[in-house]
Amino acid sequence: MKRFISEKAMNLSQSEIRKMFNIAAAMEDVISLGIGEPDFDTPPHVTEAAFKAAREGATHYTANAGYLHVRTAIAEVAERDYGIKCEPDKEVVITAGAMGALYLGMAATLNPGDEVLVQDPAWPNHFSQIRLVGAVPVPVEVKEENGFRLQAADLEKHISSKTRAILINTPNNPTGGVMTREELQAVAQVIKKYDLLVYSDEVYDRLVFGDTEHVSLASLPGMAERVITINSFSKTYAMTGWRVGYAIANEDIISSMVRLQENVVACVSSMGQHAALAAATGPQDFVHMARESYAKRTRLILDAIREIPGMSCAEPQGTIYLFPSIKDLGMSSAEAAHLFLTRGRVVTIPGTGFGKAGEGYLRLSCANSEDKIIEAMERIRRVVIDL
């Protein structure tokens, strides 16, 4: 009975991603270029670490913030790879995926009515989680001519007296854009000028191509105290189902997040934490293999798009996504996605599912086999030619 449902729950809508998959579920011979997760299995040594831990009795509650030795490993990786220095016992919390870190971070720092500036296009849960805690998302358009990278000048135009924080996602879902060190430095100056907080979603940090560098905002001078760095083992190690993420921030914020976690999930799965430890400290061959595979598949899609009239695509610098333009096809993003699904049996996601600035684009995922990708792109080409 709807009269028992809260306004918060009523105001959360299903994402365009789920809508497309629901339509595809009733169809046969469908190829998905929509899924937002790795198509690889978790590396065997990671899975075995969880089994071993369970067999040896690690089946009980952990500290609300997570095992200290796992937090220590996370802190060591953060400093070694990205220059983020933190105290594992005070400034790291292990969460139920990056989504858990994002929710806890916002719940710990936002009040009803606070405004949060968000890149547009953006992962839809960025908008919905802001609303979930009673705050207000304010879209800041990122443009294709800038490589879909957030610009400091555009950011500053949207700051008001109610602006509390900024949410940055680099490498970016859905566009594949990766902010440069210089762009982040410029954004950092705006953040310090207006005394703002930052939620920095970096879950695709290892999935960058070629000479592209991932820079963590918290590593820049004067930023560590005002950044909540959010990350996850899901994308890097094909561990989406394990639900292990983490946040790094100053002690006051982390302690607040830990208190909230006690009341939400108590702690992250003990076996999942052992798996994450094995992923972080074990061999990294899988990461290199997966990144090279995604880069190759991305190139296959880019080459195919060049052969499709009315479509073009900025080359992504990372992630598992491409964000091609369909503006010259003379239809909306939703119409194009529906057409490619119903006539071509290919799942794509309308760009409008990621914000108003996504109109005229589709999100494609390269998380499928090379053969399936080649077939899917040929199906799309034939649909366009038939138009």
Protein backbone atom coordinates (compact mmCIF):
# COMPACT_ATOMS: atom_id res chain seq x y z
CA MET A 1 0.00 0.00 0.00
CA LYS A 2 1.57 3.23 -1.19
CA ARG A 3 0.40 5.23 1.83
CA PHE A 4 3.05 3.42 3.87
CA ILE A 5 5.91 4.29 1.47
CA SER A 6 8.21 7.18 2.36
CA GLU A 7 8.71 10.16 0.08
CA LYS A 8 12.39 9.26 -0.24
CA ALA A 9 11.55 5.83 -1.60
CA MET A 10 8.81 7.17 -3.86
CA ASN A 11 11.15 9.75 -5.35
CA LEU A 12 13.82 7.21 -6.34
CA SER A 13 13.23 6.04 -9.91
CA GLN A 14 14.57 3.02 -11.73
CA SER A 15 17.63 3.76 -13.84
CA GLU A 16 17.59 3.66 -17.64
CA ILE A 17 20.12 0.85 -17.40
CA ARG A 18 17.64 -1.42 -15.61
CA LYS A 19 14.81 -0.40 -17.93
CA MET A 20 16.79 -1.52 -20.98
CA PHE A 21 17.70 -4.82 -19.38
CA ASN A 22 14.08 -5.47 -18.42
CA ILE A 23 13.02 -5.04 -22.06
CA ALA A 24 15.88 -7.25 -23.28
CA ALA A 25 14.98 -10.00 -20.79
CA ALA A 26 11.90 -10.86 -22.83
CA MET A 27 13.87 -11.13 -26.09
CA GLU A 28 16.09 -13.80 -27.62
CA ASP A 29 19.49 -13.55 -29.33
CA VAL A 30 20.37 -10.29 -27.59
CA ILE A 31 23.94 -9.01 -27.26
CA SER A 32 24.55 -6.65 -24.38
CA LEU A 33 26.81 -3.64 -24.64
CA GLY A 34 25.10 -2.21 -21.60
CA ILE A 35 26.43 -4.12 -18.62
CA GLY A 36 28.60 -2.11 -16.24
CA GLU A 37 30.70 -4.89 -14.77
CA PRO A 38 33.75 -6.92 -15.82
CA ASP A 39 32.97 -10.11 -17.74
CA PHE A 40 35.91 -11.91 -16.12
CA ASP A 41 35.72 -14.11 -13.04
CA THR A 42 37.47 -13.11 -9.81
CA PRO A 43 41.13 -14.27 -9.88
CA PRO A 44 41.43 -17.79 -8.37
CA HIS A 45 43.92 -16.80 -5.66
CA VAL A 46 41.46 -14.19 -4.41
CA THR A 47 38.58 -16.66 -4.23
CA GLU A 48 40.76 -19.26 -2.55
CA ALA A 49 41.82 -16.73 0.12
CA ALA A 50 38.17 -16.27 1.08
CA PHE A 51 37.57 -20.05 1.19
CA LYS A 52 40.69 -20.57 3.29
CA ALA A 53 39.69 -17.83 5.72
CA ALA A 54 36.22 -19.33 6.12
CA ARG A 55 37.63 -22.82 6.71
CA GLU A 56 39.90 -21.39 9.39
CA GLY A 57 37.03 -19.72 11.23
CA ALA A 58 36.90 -16.17 9.85
CA THR A 59 33.10 -16.28 9.84
CA HIS A 60 32.34 -13.77 12.59
CA TYR A 61 31.80 -10.04 12.95
CA THR A 62 34.78 -7.81 12.35
CA ALA A 63 35.31 -4.30 13.68
CA ASN A 64 32.73 -1.90 12.20
CA ALA A 65 35.52 -0.23 10.21
CA GLY A 66 36.85 -3.59 9.00
CA TYR A 67 39.90 -5.68 9.86
CA LEU A 68 42.80 -3.42 10.77
CA HIS A 69 45.30 -5.49 8.77
CA VAL A 70 43.13 -5.09 5.66
CA ARG A 71 42.82 -1.34 6.23
CA THR A 72 46.60 -1.23 6.65
CA ALA A 73 47.06 -2.92 3.27
CA ILE A 74 44.66 -0.43 1.67
CA ALA A 75 46.57 2.49 3.18
CA GLU A 76 49.88 1.09 1.91
CA VAL A 77 48.52 0.75 -1.64
CA ALA A 78 47.03 4.27 -1.52
CA GLU A 79 50.38 5.78 -0.52
CA ARG A 80 52.51 3.66 -2.84
CA ASP A 81 50.41 4.08 -5.97
CA TYR A 82 48.75 7.47 -5.53
CA GLY A 83 50.60 9.40 -2.86
CA ILE A 84 47.71 9.46 -0.39
CA LYS A 85 49.08 9.24 3.15
CA CYS A 86 46.62 8.06 5.80
CA GLU A 87 46.50 6.33 9.17
CA PRO A 88 44.76 2.96 8.67
CA ASP A 89 43.30 2.82 12.17
CA LYS A 90 41.73 6.29 11.95
CA GLU A 91 41.35 7.33 8.30
CA VAL A 92 40.19 4.19 6.45
CA VAL A 93 36.85 2.38 6.54
CA ILE A 94 35.96 -0.78 4.61
CA THR A 95 32.43 -0.54 3.18
CA ALA A 96 29.83 -2.56 1.31
CA GLY A 97 31.21 -1.64 -2.09
CA ALA A 98 31.88 1.87 -3.33
CA MET A 99 28.14 2.49 -3.12
CA GLY A 100 28.34 1.89 0.62
CA ALA A 101 31.26 4.30 0.90
CA LEU A 102 29.40 6.92 -1.13
CA TYR A 103 26.24 6.65 0.97
CA LEU A 104 28.03 6.66 4.31
CA GLY A 105 30.22 9.58 3.25
CA MET A 106 27.23 11.66 2.21
CA ALA A 107 25.13 10.69 5.23
CA ALA A 108 28.01 11.71 7.48
CA THR A 109 28.59 15.13 5.91
CA LEU A 110 25.41 16.45 4.27
CA ASN A 111 22.34 18.10 5.75
CA PRO A 112 18.92 18.43 4.08
CA GLY A 113 19.00 21.18 1.46
CA ASP A 114 22.77 21.16 0.96
CA GLU A 115 23.79 21.35 -2.68
CA VAL A 116 26.31 18.99 -4.27
CA LEU A 117 27.80 19.79 -7.67
CA VAL A 118 27.92 16.72 -9.92
CA GLN A 119 29.36 16.13 -13.38
CA ASP A 120 26.69 15.67 -16.03
CA PRO A 121 26.66 13.09 -17.58
CA ALA A 122 27.27 11.00 -14.44
CA TRP A 123 26.60 7.55 -13.07
CA PRO A 124 22.88 7.76 -12.12
CA ASN A 125 23.46 6.60 -8.53
CA HIS A 126 25.51 9.74 -7.92
CA PHE A 127 22.36 11.81 -8.35
CA SER A 128 20.09 9.40 -6.49
CA GLN A 129 22.35 8.95 -3.47
CA ILE A 130 22.55 12.71 -3.00
CA ARG A 131 18.76 12.85 -3.02
CA LEU A 132 18.57 9.85 -0.70
CA VAL A 133 20.29 11.79 2.11
CA GLY A 134 18.07 14.83 1.54
CA ALA A 135 20.59 16.95 -0.34
CA VAL A 136 20.24 18.51 -3.80
CA PRO A 137 22.33 17.47 -6.83
CA VAL A 138 23.36 20.36 -9.09
CA PRO A 139 24.49 19.16 -12.55
CA VAL A 140 27.59 20.69 -14.11
CA GLU A 141 27.80 19.84 -17.79
CA VAL A 142 31.02 18.31 -19.10
CA LYS A 143 31.48 18.69 -22.83
CA GLU A 144 32.77 16.35 -25.51
CA GLU A 145 35.13 19.01 -26.84
CA ASN A 146 36.90 18.92 -23.44
CA GLY A 147 37.13 15.14 -23.48
CA PHE A 148 34.16 15.01 -21.08
CA ARG A 149 36.47 16.31 -18.34
CA LEU A 150 35.24 18.67 -15.64
CA GLN A 151 36.55 22.23 -16.04
CA ALA A 152 37.19 24.50 -13.05
CA ALA A 153 35.55 27.51 -14.71
CA ASP A 154 32.33 25.58 -15.35
CA LEU A 155 32.36 24.31 -11.79
CA GLU A 156 32.74 27.76 -10.27
CA LYS A 157 29.73 29.10 -12.21
CA HIS A 158 27.42 26.72 -10.32
CA ILE A 159 28.59 27.45 -6.78
CA SER A 160 25.98 29.08 -4.54
CA SER A 161 25.58 29.86 -0.86
CA LYS A 162 24.08 26.39 -0.44
CA THR A 163 26.94 24.50 -2.09
CA ARG A 164 28.44 22.08 0.40
CA ALA A 165 30.37 19.62 -1.70
CA ILE A 166 31.45 18.42 -5.14
CA LEU A 167 31.28 14.89 -6.47
CA ILE A 168 34.04 14.04 -8.94
CA ASN A 169 34.30 10.76 -10.82
CA THR A 170 37.55 10.16 -12.69
CA PRO A 171 38.05 7.90 -14.60
CA ASN A 172 34.47 8.59 -15.51
CA ASN A 173 31.41 6.44 -15.95
CA PRO A 174 29.78 6.84 -18.50
CA THR A 175 32.15 8.84 -20.72
CA GLY A 176 35.56 7.24 -20.18
CA GLY A 177 37.06 10.69 -19.58
CA VAL A 178 40.07 10.98 -17.24
CA MET A 179 40.93 14.35 -15.69
CA THR A 180 44.52 15.52 -16.06
CA ARG A 181 46.69 16.59 -13.15
CA GLU A 182 46.46 20.21 -14.34
CA GLU A 183 42.66 20.08 -14.50
CA LEU A 184 42.47 18.61 -11.00
CA GLN A 185 44.84 21.26 -9.69
CA ALA A 186 42.58 23.97 -11.11
CA VAL A 187 39.52 22.33 -9.57
CA ALA A 188 41.37 22.04 -6.25
CA GLN A 189 41.90 25.81 -6.21
CA VAL A 190 38.15 26.35 -6.60
CA ILE A 191 37.43 23.85 -3.84
CA LYS A 192 39.79 25.59 -1.42
CA LYS A 193 38.57 29.04 -2.42
CA TYR A 194 34.98 28.18 -1.43
CA ASP A 195 35.90 25.81 1.43
CA LEU A 196 34.12 22.79 -0.04
CA LEU A 197 34.20 19.04 0.55
CA VAL A 198 34.80 16.52 -2.25
CA TYR A 199 33.54 13.01 -2.82
CA SER A 200 36.11 11.55 -5.20
CA ASP A 201 34.83 8.36 -6.86
CA GLU A 202 37.90 6.56 -8.24
CA VAL A 203 36.66 2.99 -8.76
CA TYR A 204 38.15 2.79 -12.28
CA ASP A 205 41.57 4.03 -11.14
CA ARG A 206 43.47 1.04 -12.56
CA LEU A 207 41.57 0.92 -15.83
CA VAL A 208 43.32 3.68 -17.78
CA PHE A 209 44.81 3.21 -21.24
CA GLY A 210 48.14 3.99 -22.82
CA ASP A 211 50.07 6.84 -21.21
CA THR A 212 47.02 8.18 -19.34
CA GLU A 213 47.74 8.90 -15.68
CA HIS A 214 45.19 8.57 -12.92
CA VAL A 215 45.68 11.27 -10.29
CA SER A 216 43.97 11.08 -6.90
CA LEU A 217 42.64 14.45 -5.83
CA ALA A 218 43.56 13.79 -2.19
CA SER A 219 47.24 13.56 -3.16
CA LEU A 220 47.36 17.23 -4.21
CA PRO A 221 48.69 19.79 -1.71
CA GLY A 222 46.14 20.88 0.88
CA MET A 223 43.43 18.51 -0.31
CA ALA A 224 43.66 15.42 1.93
CA GLU A 225 41.60 17.00 4.72
CA ARG A 226 38.69 17.90 2.46
CA VAL A 227 38.49 14.81 0.19
CA ILE A 228 36.66 11.55 0.77
CA THR A 229 38.40 9.13 -1.59
CA ILE A 230 36.00 6.36 -2.60
CA ASN A 231 37.19 3.15 -4.18
CA SER A 232 36.31 -0.50 -4.61
CA PHE A 233 37.73 -3.89 -5.51
CA SER A 234 34.77 -4.53 -7.83
CA LYS A 235 36.00 -3.23 -11.18
CA THR A 236 39.74 -3.73 -10.79
CA TYR A 237 39.58 -7.36 -9.67
CA ALA A 238 36.21 -8.46 -11.12
CA MET A 239 34.77 -8.64 -7.60
CA THR A 240 31.40 -6.94 -8.08
CA GLY A 241 29.53 -9.65 -6.18
CA TRP A 242 31.84 -9.56 -3.18
CA ARG A 243 30.71 -6.04 -2.23
CA VAL A 244 33.94 -4.71 -0.78
CA GLY A 245 34.85 -1.06 -1.11
CA TYR A 246 36.49 1.55 1.06
CA ALA A 247 36.81 5.22 1.87
CA ILE A 248 39.81 7.28 2.93
CA ALA A 249 39.22 10.63 4.65
CA ASN A 250 40.13 12.64 7.73
CA GLU A 251 39.55 11.11 11.15
CA ASP A 252 36.39 13.07 11.96
CA ILE A 253 34.65 11.99 8.78
CA ILE A 254 35.77 8.35 9.00
CA SER A 255 34.69 8.02 12.63
CA SER A 256 31.25 9.34 11.67
CA MET A 257 31.04 6.91 8.75
CA VAL A 258 31.99 4.02 11.05
CA ARG A 259 29.20 4.92 13.49
CA LEU A 260 26.74 5.00 10.61
CA GLN A 261 27.99 1.67 9.27
CA GLU A 262 27.39 0.07 12.67
CA ASN A 263 23.72 0.93 12.23
CA VAL A 264 23.44 -0.08 8.57
CA VAL A 265 25.39 -3.30 7.96
CA ALA A 266 27.51 -3.63 11.13
CA CYS A 267 30.54 -4.60 9.04
CA VAL A 268 31.54 -5.91 5.64
CA SER A 269 31.67 -9.70 5.14
CA SER A 270 34.70 -11.15 6.91
CA MET A 271 35.42 -13.53 4.02
CA GLY A 272 35.07 -10.66 1.55
CA GLN A 273 37.67 -8.69 3.44
CA HIS A 274 40.11 -11.60 3.26
CA ALA A 275 39.48 -11.77 -0.48
CA ALA A 276 40.16 -8.04 -0.79
CA LEU A 277 43.42 -8.45 1.12
CA ALA A 278 44.55 -11.14 -1.31
CA ALA A 279 43.62 -8.92 -4.25
CA ALA A 280 45.49 -5.91 -2.90
CA THR A 281 48.65 -7.70 -1.81
CA GLY A 282 48.84 -10.60 -4.28
CA PRO A 283 49.99 -10.79 -7.90
CA GLN A 284 48.61 -8.09 -10.19
CA ASP A 285 48.82 -10.05 -13.45
CA PHE A 286 45.04 -10.15 -13.70
CA VAL A 287 44.79 -6.34 -13.57
CA HIS A 288 47.26 -5.93 -16.42
CA MET A 289 45.51 -8.60 -18.50
CA ALA A 290 42.06 -7.12 -17.97
CA ARG A 291 43.21 -3.58 -18.77
CA GLU A 292 44.84 -4.68 -22.01
CA SER A 293 41.74 -6.64 -22.97
CA TYR A 294 39.45 -3.67 -22.34
CA ALA A 295 41.76 -1.41 -24.35
CA LYS A 296 41.67 -3.84 -27.29
CA ARG A 297 37.89 -4.18 -27.16
CA THR A 298 37.50 -0.42 -26.89
CA ARG A 299 39.53 -0.09 -30.08
CA LEU A 300 37.27 -2.60 -31.84
CA ILE A 301 34.22 -0.50 -30.99
CA LEU A 302 35.90 2.76 -32.02
CA ASP A 303 36.93 1.28 -35.37
CA ALA A 304 33.39 -0.02 -35.94
CA ILE A 305 31.79 3.33 -35.11
CA ARG A 306 33.88 5.00 -37.80
CA GLU A 307 32.08 2.80 -40.34
CA ILE A 308 28.59 3.75 -39.15
CA PRO A 309 27.04 6.84 -40.79
CA GLY A 310 25.75 9.40 -38.32
CA MET A 311 27.79 8.13 -35.37
CA SER A 312 31.09 9.34 -33.91
CA CYS A 313 32.93 8.83 -30.65
CA ALA A 314 35.51 10.62 -28.54
CA GLU A 315 38.24 8.17 -27.64
CA PRO A 316 37.91 7.14 -23.97
CA GLN A 317 41.03 7.28 -21.84
CA GLY A 318 39.89 4.62 -19.40
CA THR A 319 37.06 2.57 -17.82
CA ILE A 320 35.06 -0.06 -19.71
CA TYR A 321 32.76 2.45 -21.44
CA LEU A 322 32.45 4.47 -24.62
CA PHE A 323 30.05 7.40 -25.09
CA PRO A 324 29.39 7.73 -28.83
CA SER A 325 27.37 10.59 -30.32
CA ILE A 326 24.22 9.72 -32.28
CA LYS A 327 23.23 13.36 -32.82
CA ASP A 328 23.49 13.07 -36.60
CA LEU A 329 21.01 10.18 -36.70
CA GLY A 330 18.16 12.62 -36.14
CA MET A 331 16.66 10.92 -33.12
CA SER A 332 16.84 11.06 -29.35
CA SER A 333 19.09 8.85 -27.26
CA ALA A 334 16.11 6.86 -26.01
CA GLU A 335 14.82 6.36 -29.55
CA ALA A 336 18.22 5.19 -30.77
CA ALA A 337 18.68 2.75 -27.88
CA HIS A 338 15.18 1.35 -28.42
CA LEU A 339 15.80 1.02 -32.16
CA PHE A 340 19.09 -0.82 -31.72
CA LEU A 341 17.46 -3.19 -29.23
CA THR A 342 14.25 -3.95 -31.10
CA ARG A 343 15.71 -4.12 -34.62
CA GLY A 344 19.29 -5.11 -33.92
CA ARG A 345 18.96 -7.09 -30.69
CA VAL A 346 21.76 -5.02 -29.09
CA VAL A 347 21.48 -3.46 -25.64
CA THR A 348 22.86 0.07 -25.39
CA ILE A 349 22.04 2.66 -22.72
CA PRO A 350 20.52 6.07 -23.57
CA GLY A 351 22.81 8.92 -22.62
CA THR A 352 19.91 10.64 -20.88
CA GLY A 353 20.06 7.88 -18.27
CA PHE A 354 23.17 9.69 -17.01
CA GLY A 355 21.82 13.23 -16.97
CA LYS A 356 20.32 15.83 -19.30
CA ALA A 357 23.72 16.50 -20.88
CA GLY A 358 23.72 12.88 -22.06
CA GLU A 359 21.11 13.60 -24.73
CA GLY A 360 22.54 12.77 -28.14
CA TYR A 361 24.77 10.00 -26.82
CA LEU A 362 24.68 6.32 -25.92
CA ARG A 363 26.77 4.45 -23.40
CA LEU A 364 28.40 1.28 -24.70
CA SER A 365 30.29 -1.19 -22.53
CA CYS A 366 33.21 -3.24 -23.81
CA ALA A 367 32.65 -5.90 -21.13
CA ASN A 368 31.83 -8.64 -23.60
CA SER A 369 33.82 -11.01 -25.80
CA GLU A 370 35.52 -9.70 -28.93
CA ASP A 371 33.31 -11.88 -31.13
CA LYS A 372 30.14 -10.56 -29.48
CA ILE A 373 31.36 -6.97 -29.77
CA ILE A 374 32.12 -7.36 -33.47
CA GLU A 375 28.69 -8.91 -34.09
CA ALA A 376 26.90 -6.27 -32.01
CA MET A 377 28.54 -3.38 -33.86
CA GLU A 378 27.74 -4.99 -37.21
CA ARG A 379 24.10 -5.28 -36.14
CA ILE A 380 24.04 -1.60 -35.20
CA ARG A 381 25.64 -0.69 -38.54
CA ARG A 382 22.99 -2.63 -40.44
CA VAL A 383 20.17 -0.96 -38.50
CA VAL A 384 21.58 2.48 -39.33
CA ILE A 385 22.08 1.59 -43.00
CA ASP A 386 18.46 0.34 -43.19
CA LEU A 387 17.26 3.74 -41.98
